[in-house]
Amino acid sequence: MQNIMCSSYMRKKDKETELLKKARKGDAESFEILILNHKEYLYKIAYSYVKDKDKALDLVQEATCKAWVNIHTLRKSAVFKSWITKIILNTSLNYIKKESKIMKRKIRNGILMLLGMLLAAAAPFAAGIRMAYVKSGSMEPELPVGSLCIVTPCAVEELEVGDIIAFQNGPMQVAH
């Protein structure tokens, strides 16, 4: 029984070695057979890193392309499986690094946008600008009930007859 298993393993190993020789010489069909023999293994590695079926398939495809372009660099005595494993690992790790940088950039940009919005909202208050809501009809028709007024500070000397002013009357702001 052991001899049968050894014999089967050796035939498989010899076949892979023969395919590898042909692939190194540019035989695309031999390369395809090598990849198909290891496709599930490569997919499992990629998936273990990215936890996304479609992305794992993309990474296997990218690693396969890299392997095809660089098949001539594979030493004759090298084992194809370990070589292609390094390629899929590096491809997966590079993807994770790239995604990490993109995520950091998105977070940084989101924080900057939030700060910008906060500054834009806070700047008028820092300059003394306030909003007032007209609750009574005492200013109609110039300011109907429900109007929103923007109140800016100014010196008393700048006021003219007919200007609408807002002033503090106890806890209440009054416009007239």
C-alpha atoms as a PDB file:
ATOM      1  CA  MET A   1       0.000   0.000   0.000  1.00  0.00           C
ATOM      2  CA  GLN A   2       2.827   2.383   0.871  1.00  0.00           C
ATOM      3  CA  ASN A   3       4.581   1.673  -2.428  1.00  0.00           C
ATOM      4  CA  ILE A   4       1.402   2.497  -4.330  1.00  0.00           C
ATOM      5  CA  MET A   5       1.106   5.855  -2.527  1.00  0.00           C
ATOM      6  CA  CYS A   6       4.787   6.662  -3.140  1.00  0.00           C
ATOM      7  CA  SER A   7       4.453   5.702  -6.776  1.00  0.00           C
ATOM      8  CA  SER A   8       1.355   7.888  -7.183  1.00  0.00           C
ATOM      9  CA  TYR A   9       3.050  10.812  -5.458  1.00  0.00           C
ATOM     10  CA  MET A  10       6.156  10.441  -7.614  1.00  0.00           C
ATOM     11  CA  ARG A  11       4.110  10.372 -10.822  1.00  0.00           C
ATOM     12  CA  LYS A  12       2.293  13.511  -9.725  1.00  0.00           C
ATOM     13  CA  LYS A  13       5.605  15.170  -8.799  1.00  0.00           C
ATOM     14  CA  ASP A  14       7.171  14.139 -12.129  1.00  0.00           C
ATOM     15  CA  LYS A  15       4.158  15.478 -14.003  1.00  0.00           C
ATOM     16  CA  GLU A  16       4.381  18.805 -12.140  1.00  0.00           C
ATOM     17  CA  THR A  17       8.109  19.007 -12.869  1.00  0.00           C
ATOM     18  CA  GLU A  18       7.436  18.398 -16.559  1.00  0.00           C
ATOM     19  CA  LEU A  19       4.667  21.027 -16.609  1.00  0.00           C
ATOM     20  CA  LEU A  20       6.970  23.453 -14.837  1.00  0.00           C
ATOM     21  CA  LYS A  21       9.727  22.954 -17.409  1.00  0.00           C
ATOM     22  CA  LYS A  22       7.288  23.662 -20.230  1.00  0.00           C
ATOM     23  CA  ALA A  23       5.772  26.670 -18.440  1.00  0.00           C
ATOM     24  CA  ARG A  24       9.232  28.175 -17.853  1.00  0.00           C
ATOM     25  CA  LYS A  25       9.746  27.971 -21.624  1.00  0.00           C
ATOM     26  CA  GLY A  26       6.536  29.953 -22.202  1.00  0.00           C
ATOM     27  CA  ASP A  27       3.957  27.157 -22.574  1.00  0.00           C
ATOM     28  CA  ALA A  28       0.759  28.838 -21.378  1.00  0.00           C
ATOM     29  CA  GLU A  29      -1.232  25.605 -21.335  1.00  0.00           C
ATOM     30  CA  SER A  30       1.237  23.951 -18.934  1.00  0.00           C
ATOM     31  CA  PHE A  31       1.163  27.032 -16.722  1.00  0.00           C
ATOM     32  CA  GLU A  32      -2.636  26.969 -16.706  1.00  0.00           C
ATOM     33  CA  ILE A  33      -2.639  23.315 -15.576  1.00  0.00           C
ATOM     34  CA  LEU A  34      -0.215  24.163 -12.758  1.00  0.00           C
ATOM     35  CA  ILE A  35      -2.461  27.011 -11.598  1.00  0.00           C
ATOM     36  CA  LEU A  36      -5.609  24.884 -11.863  1.00  0.00           C
ATOM     37  CA  ASN A  37      -3.943  22.218  -9.724  1.00  0.00           C
ATOM     38  CA  HIS A  38      -3.410  24.795  -6.960  1.00  0.00           C
ATOM     39  CA  LYS A  39      -6.353  27.175  -7.444  1.00  0.00           C
ATOM     40  CA  GLU A  40      -8.324  26.155  -4.334  1.00  0.00           C
ATOM     41  CA  TYR A  41      -5.204  26.345  -2.193  1.00  0.00           C
ATOM     42  CA  LEU A  42      -4.410  29.839  -3.521  1.00  0.00           C
ATOM     43  CA  TYR A  43      -7.997  30.995  -3.026  1.00  0.00           C
ATOM     44  CA  LYS A  44      -8.016  29.776   0.605  1.00  0.00           C
ATOM     45  CA  ILE A  45      -4.845  31.717   1.351  1.00  0.00           C
ATOM     46  CA  ALA A  46      -6.166  34.915  -0.223  1.00  0.00           C
ATOM     47  CA  TYR A  47      -9.549  34.543   1.486  1.00  0.00           C
ATOM     48  CA  SER A  48      -7.897  34.006   4.875  1.00  0.00           C
ATOM     49  CA  TYR A  49      -6.388  37.487   4.515  1.00  0.00           C
ATOM     50  CA  VAL A  50      -9.221  39.512   2.986  1.00  0.00           C
ATOM     51  CA  LYS A  51     -12.359  37.651   4.157  1.00  0.00           C
ATOM     52  CA  ASP A  52     -14.146  38.590   0.935  1.00  0.00           C
ATOM     53  CA  LYS A  53     -14.925  36.047  -1.809  1.00  0.00           C
ATOM     54  CA  ASP A  54     -14.716  38.441  -4.749  1.00  0.00           C
ATOM     55  CA  LYS A  55     -11.583  40.186  -3.505  1.00  0.00           C
ATOM     56  CA  ALA A  56      -9.923  36.813  -2.866  1.00  0.00           C
ATOM     57  CA  LEU A  57     -10.668  35.785  -6.462  1.00  0.00           C
ATOM     58  CA  ASP A  58      -9.223  39.097  -7.682  1.00  0.00           C
ATOM     59  CA  LEU A  59      -6.063  38.485  -5.653  1.00  0.00           C
ATOM     60  CA  VAL A  60      -5.691  34.968  -7.069  1.00  0.00           C
ATOM     61  CA  GLN A  61      -6.038  36.396 -10.567  1.00  0.00           C
ATOM     62  CA  GLU A  62      -3.474  39.114  -9.845  1.00  0.00           C
ATOM     63  CA  ALA A  63      -1.050  36.592  -8.322  1.00  0.00           C
ATOM     64  CA  THR A  64      -1.522  34.304 -11.337  1.00  0.00           C
ATOM     65  CA  CYS A  65      -0.637  37.159 -13.689  1.00  0.00           C
ATOM     66  CA  LYS A  66       2.450  37.999 -11.631  1.00  0.00           C
ATOM     67  CA  ALA A  67       3.475  34.343 -11.654  1.00  0.00           C
ATOM     68  CA  TRP A  68       3.079  34.081 -15.431  1.00  0.00           C
ATOM     69  CA  VAL A  69       5.157  37.212 -16.015  1.00  0.00           C
ATOM     70  CA  ASN A  70       7.876  35.921 -13.660  1.00  0.00           C
ATOM     71  CA  ILE A  71       7.769  32.165 -14.343  1.00  0.00           C
ATOM     72  CA  HIS A  72      11.190  32.418 -16.014  1.00  0.00           C
ATOM     73  CA  THR A  73      12.707  33.473 -12.649  1.00  0.00           C
ATOM     74  CA  LEU A  74      11.660  30.228 -10.974  1.00  0.00           C
ATOM     75  CA  ARG A  75      14.734  28.064 -10.403  1.00  0.00           C
ATOM     76  CA  LYS A  76      14.610  24.616 -11.960  1.00  0.00           C
ATOM     77  CA  SER A  77      14.864  22.900  -8.604  1.00  0.00           C
ATOM     78  CA  ALA A  78      12.292  25.152  -6.944  1.00  0.00           C
ATOM     79  CA  VAL A  79       8.907  23.773  -5.989  1.00  0.00           C
ATOM     80  CA  PHE A  80       6.094  25.535  -7.817  1.00  0.00           C
ATOM     81  CA  LYS A  81       3.669  25.423  -4.881  1.00  0.00           C
ATOM     82  CA  SER A  82       5.989  27.247  -2.473  1.00  0.00           C
ATOM     83  CA  TRP A  83       6.857  29.812  -5.153  1.00  0.00           C
ATOM     84  CA  ILE A  84       3.226  30.577  -6.030  1.00  0.00           C
ATOM     85  CA  THR A  85       2.392  30.631  -2.289  1.00  0.00           C
ATOM     86  CA  LYS A  86       4.893  33.439  -1.754  1.00  0.00           C
ATOM     87  CA  ILE A  87       3.335  35.345  -4.629  1.00  0.00           C
ATOM     88  CA  ILE A  88      -0.234  35.024  -3.283  1.00  0.00           C
ATOM     89  CA  LEU A  89       0.914  35.942   0.234  1.00  0.00           C
ATOM     90  CA  ASN A  90       2.734  39.057  -0.972  1.00  0.00           C
ATOM     91  CA  THR A  91      -0.167  40.022  -3.230  1.00  0.00           C
ATOM     92  CA  SER A  92      -2.619  39.674  -0.316  1.00  0.00           C
ATOM     93  CA  LEU A  93      -0.390  41.580   2.109  1.00  0.00           C
ATOM     94  CA  ASN A  94       0.178  44.393  -0.403  1.00  0.00           C
ATOM     95  CA  TYR A  95      -3.583  44.676  -0.882  1.00  0.00           C
ATOM     96  CA  ILE A  96      -4.129  44.911   2.888  1.00  0.00           C
ATOM     97  CA  LYS A  97      -1.435  47.598   3.212  1.00  0.00           C
ATOM     98  CA  LYS A  98      -2.963  49.581   0.350  1.00  0.00           C
ATOM     99  CA  GLU A  99      -6.467  49.316   1.832  1.00  0.00           C
ATOM    100  CA  SER A 100      -5.126  50.374   5.225  1.00  0.00           C
ATOM    101  CA  LYS A 101      -3.583  53.506   3.705  1.00  0.00           C
ATOM    102  CA  ILE A 102      -6.820  54.291   1.862  1.00  0.00           C
ATOM    103  CA  MET A 103      -8.842  53.835   5.070  1.00  0.00           C
ATOM    104  CA  LYS A 104      -6.468  56.070   7.030  1.00  0.00           C
ATOM    105  CA  ARG A 105      -6.748  58.722   4.306  1.00  0.00           C
ATOM    106  CA  LYS A 106     -10.562  58.501   4.342  1.00  0.00           C
ATOM    107  CA  ILE A 107     -10.621  58.834   8.139  1.00  0.00           C
ATOM    108  CA  ARG A 108      -8.203  61.781   8.041  1.00  0.00           C
ATOM    109  CA  ASN A 109     -10.239  63.496   5.303  1.00  0.00           C
ATOM    110  CA  GLY A 110     -13.452  62.890   7.233  1.00  0.00           C
ATOM    111  CA  ILE A 111     -11.958  64.395  10.379  1.00  0.00           C
ATOM    112  CA  LEU A 112     -10.688  67.410   8.424  1.00  0.00           C
ATOM    113  CA  MET A 113     -14.105  67.882   6.811  1.00  0.00           C
ATOM    114  CA  LEU A 114     -15.821  67.658  10.202  1.00  0.00           C
ATOM    115  CA  LEU A 115     -13.391  70.186  11.676  1.00  0.00           C
ATOM    116  CA  GLY A 116     -14.007  72.493   8.731  1.00  0.00           C
ATOM    117  CA  MET A 117     -17.760  72.258   9.208  1.00  0.00           C
ATOM    118  CA  LEU A 118     -17.419  72.892  12.937  1.00  0.00           C
ATOM    119  CA  LEU A 119     -15.223  75.919  12.297  1.00  0.00           C
ATOM    120  CA  ALA A 120     -17.623  77.209   9.654  1.00  0.00           C
ATOM    121  CA  ALA A 121     -20.503  76.815  12.099  1.00  0.00           C
ATOM    122  CA  ALA A 122     -18.579  78.263  15.061  1.00  0.00           C
ATOM    123  CA  ALA A 123     -16.952  81.219  13.261  1.00  0.00           C
ATOM    124  CA  PRO A 124     -20.085  83.379  13.161  1.00  0.00           C
ATOM    125  CA  PHE A 125     -20.633  82.854  16.887  1.00  0.00           C
ATOM    126  CA  ALA A 126     -17.008  83.747  17.586  1.00  0.00           C
ATOM    127  CA  ALA A 127     -17.574  86.992  15.657  1.00  0.00           C
ATOM    128  CA  GLY A 128     -20.691  87.718  17.741  1.00  0.00           C
ATOM    129  CA  ILE A 129     -23.173  86.851  14.974  1.00  0.00           C
ATOM    130  CA  ARG A 130     -26.383  85.253  16.252  1.00  0.00           C
ATOM    131  CA  MET A 131     -29.635  84.046  14.776  1.00  0.00           C
ATOM    132  CA  ALA A 132     -32.991  85.141  16.073  1.00  0.00           C
ATOM    133  CA  TYR A 133     -36.424  83.697  15.399  1.00  0.00           C
ATOM    134  CA  VAL A 134     -39.387  86.081  15.155  1.00  0.00           C
ATOM    135  CA  LYS A 135     -42.100  84.807  17.491  1.00  0.00           C
ATOM    136  CA  SER A 136     -44.591  87.702  17.572  1.00  0.00           C
ATOM    137  CA  GLY A 137     -46.187  89.880  14.918  1.00  0.00           C
ATOM    138  CA  SER A 138     -44.875  93.160  16.356  1.00  0.00           C
ATOM    139  CA  MET A 139     -42.445  93.624  13.422  1.00  0.00           C
ATOM    140  CA  GLU A 140     -44.867  92.836  10.581  1.00  0.00           C
ATOM    141  CA  PRO A 141     -44.857  93.421   7.635  1.00  0.00           C
ATOM    142  CA  GLU A 142     -41.008  93.851   7.628  1.00  0.00           C
ATOM    143  CA  LEU A 143     -40.429  90.665   9.672  1.00  0.00           C
ATOM    144  CA  PRO A 144     -43.335  88.203   9.581  1.00  0.00           C
ATOM    145  CA  VAL A 145     -43.785  85.651  12.356  1.00  0.00           C
ATOM    146  CA  GLY A 146     -41.465  82.696  11.769  1.00  0.00           C
ATOM    147  CA  SER A 147     -38.726  84.750  10.094  1.00  0.00           C
ATOM    148  CA  LEU A 148     -35.128  83.983  10.875  1.00  0.00           C
ATOM    149  CA  CYS A 149     -32.927  87.014  11.468  1.00  0.00           C
ATOM    150  CA  ILE A 150     -29.161  87.205  11.482  1.00  0.00           C
ATOM    151  CA  VAL A 151     -28.048  89.523  14.238  1.00  0.00           C
ATOM    152  CA  THR A 152     -24.594  91.104  13.984  1.00  0.00           C
ATOM    153  CA  PRO A 153     -23.021  93.270  16.667  1.00  0.00           C
ATOM    154  CA  CYS A 154     -22.459  96.935  15.892  1.00  0.00           C
ATOM    155  CA  ALA A 155     -21.709 100.146  17.740  1.00  0.00           C
ATOM    156  CA  VAL A 156     -24.654 102.347  18.740  1.00  0.00           C
ATOM    157  CA  GLU A 157     -23.145 105.165  16.657  1.00  0.00           C
ATOM    158  CA  GLU A 158     -23.599 103.062  13.497  1.00  0.00           C
ATOM    159  CA  LEU A 159     -27.377 102.775  13.921  1.00  0.00           C
ATOM    160  CA  GLU A 160     -29.760 104.894  11.839  1.00  0.00           C
ATOM    161  CA  VAL A 161     -33.435 105.627  12.192  1.00  0.00           C
ATOM    162  CA  GLY A 162     -35.440 102.728  10.728  1.00  0.00           C
ATOM    163  CA  ASP A 163     -32.786 100.070  11.425  1.00  0.00           C
ATOM    164  CA  ILE A 164     -34.029  96.864  12.999  1.00  0.00           C
ATOM    165  CA  ILE A 165     -32.169  96.105  16.186  1.00  0.00           C
ATOM    166  CA  ALA A 166     -31.996  93.172  18.565  1.00  0.00           C
ATOM    167  CA  PHE A 167     -31.257  93.622  22.238  1.00  0.00           C
ATOM    168  CA  GLN A 168     -31.232  91.515  25.341  1.00  0.00           C
ATOM    169  CA  ASN A 169     -34.156  92.089  27.710  1.00  0.00           C
ATOM    170  CA  GLY A 170     -33.425  89.804  30.657  1.00  0.00           C
ATOM    171  CA  PRO A 171     -33.339  86.211  29.425  1.00  0.00           C
ATOM    172  CA  MET A 172     -35.111  87.155  26.190  1.00  0.00           C
ATOM    173  CA  GLN A 173     -33.683  88.656  22.997  1.00  0.00           C
ATOM    174  CA  VAL A 174     -35.980  91.288  21.509  1.00  0.00           C
ATOM    175  CA  ALA A 175     -35.918  92.597  17.923  1.00  0.00           C
ATOM    176  CA  HIS A 176     -37.396  95.983  17.016  1.00  0.00           C
END
